[in-house]
Amino acid sequence: MSIWLWIALVAYSLGAIIQWLQFSQKFGQFNEYTNFPIVWVAKVVTVSACIIEALIWPCSLILSNELVQEKDL
């Protein structure tokens, strides 16, 4: 494996971990009420959405950057 591919993989992984840590604060409030089934389902859905959003962080970064550039024009 080339060094550049390894650097890209490490950078992507670090970005996903950072995003996950930021999103994990969203569902911290669900821990108090996990004995209710509807809250458990809501937590599973929220965690799944946060995992997906953490894995596609480069796309969200690019899109937010484009929106800022359009706003400047």
Protein backbone atom coordinates (compact mmCIF):
# COMPACT_ATOMS: atom_id res chain seq x y z
CA MET A 1 0.00 0.00 0.00
CA SER A 2 1.39 3.37 -0.92
CA ILE A 3 2.14 5.96 1.72
CA TRP A 4 -0.39 8.41 0.26
CA LEU A 5 -3.18 5.87 0.42
CA TRP A 6 -2.27 5.11 4.02
CA ILE A 7 -2.25 8.84 4.91
CA ALA A 8 -5.64 9.31 3.26
CA LEU A 9 -7.07 6.33 5.12
CA VAL A 10 -5.77 7.60 8.46
CA ALA A 11 -7.08 11.12 7.80
CA TYR A 12 -10.51 9.77 6.83
CA SER A 13 -10.63 7.55 9.91
CA LEU A 14 -9.65 10.40 12.22
CA GLY A 15 -12.31 12.62 10.64
CA ALA A 16 -14.96 9.94 11.12
CA ILE A 17 -13.95 9.47 14.76
CA ILE A 18 -14.06 13.21 15.42
CA GLN A 19 -17.48 13.49 13.79
CA TRP A 20 -18.74 10.51 15.79
CA LEU A 21 -17.59 12.09 19.04
CA GLN A 22 -19.40 15.32 18.16
CA PHE A 23 -22.59 13.50 17.22
CA SER A 24 -22.53 11.21 20.26
CA GLN A 25 -23.55 14.13 22.43
CA LYS A 26 -26.87 14.24 20.56
CA PHE A 27 -28.08 10.92 21.89
CA GLY A 28 -26.68 11.12 25.41
CA GLN A 29 -30.11 12.16 26.67
CA PHE A 30 -31.64 8.84 25.57
CA ASN A 31 -29.65 6.87 28.15
CA GLU A 32 -32.02 7.87 30.97
CA TYR A 33 -35.11 6.39 29.32
CA THR A 34 -33.83 3.27 27.56
CA ASN A 35 -36.36 1.02 29.29
CA PHE A 36 -39.16 2.44 27.11
CA PRO A 37 -39.36 0.69 23.69
CA ILE A 38 -40.14 3.83 21.68
CA VAL A 39 -37.15 5.62 23.19
CA TRP A 40 -34.94 2.62 22.42
CA VAL A 41 -36.07 2.69 18.78
CA ALA A 42 -35.48 6.45 18.61
CA LYS A 43 -31.98 5.94 19.99
CA VAL A 44 -31.20 3.23 17.43
CA VAL A 45 -32.41 5.44 14.58
CA THR A 46 -30.45 8.43 15.87
CA VAL A 47 -27.27 6.41 16.33
CA SER A 48 -27.62 4.90 12.85
CA ALA A 49 -28.07 8.33 11.29
CA CYS A 50 -25.06 9.67 13.20
CA ILE A 51 -22.90 6.75 12.05
CA ILE A 52 -23.85 7.35 8.44
CA GLU A 53 -23.28 11.09 8.77
CA ALA A 54 -19.90 10.50 10.43
CA LEU A 55 -18.83 8.20 7.60
CA ILE A 56 -19.75 10.69 4.87
CA TRP A 57 -18.09 13.67 6.58
CA PRO A 58 -16.03 14.65 3.49
CA CYS A 59 -19.21 15.16 1.46
CA SER A 60 -20.79 17.34 4.12
CA LEU A 61 -17.56 19.34 4.41
CA ILE A 62 -17.47 19.97 0.65
CA LEU A 63 -21.15 20.89 0.50
CA SER A 64 -20.93 23.29 3.44
CA ASN A 65 -17.87 24.93 1.87
CA GLU A 66 -19.75 25.42 -1.41
CA LEU A 67 -22.68 27.01 0.43
CA VAL A 68 -20.33 29.46 2.16
CA GLN A 69 -18.74 30.38 -1.17
CA GLU A 70 -22.17 30.95 -2.76
CA LYS A 71 -23.18 33.14 0.16
CA ASP A 72 -20.08 35.30 -0.37
CA LEU A 73 -21.06 36.02 -3.98
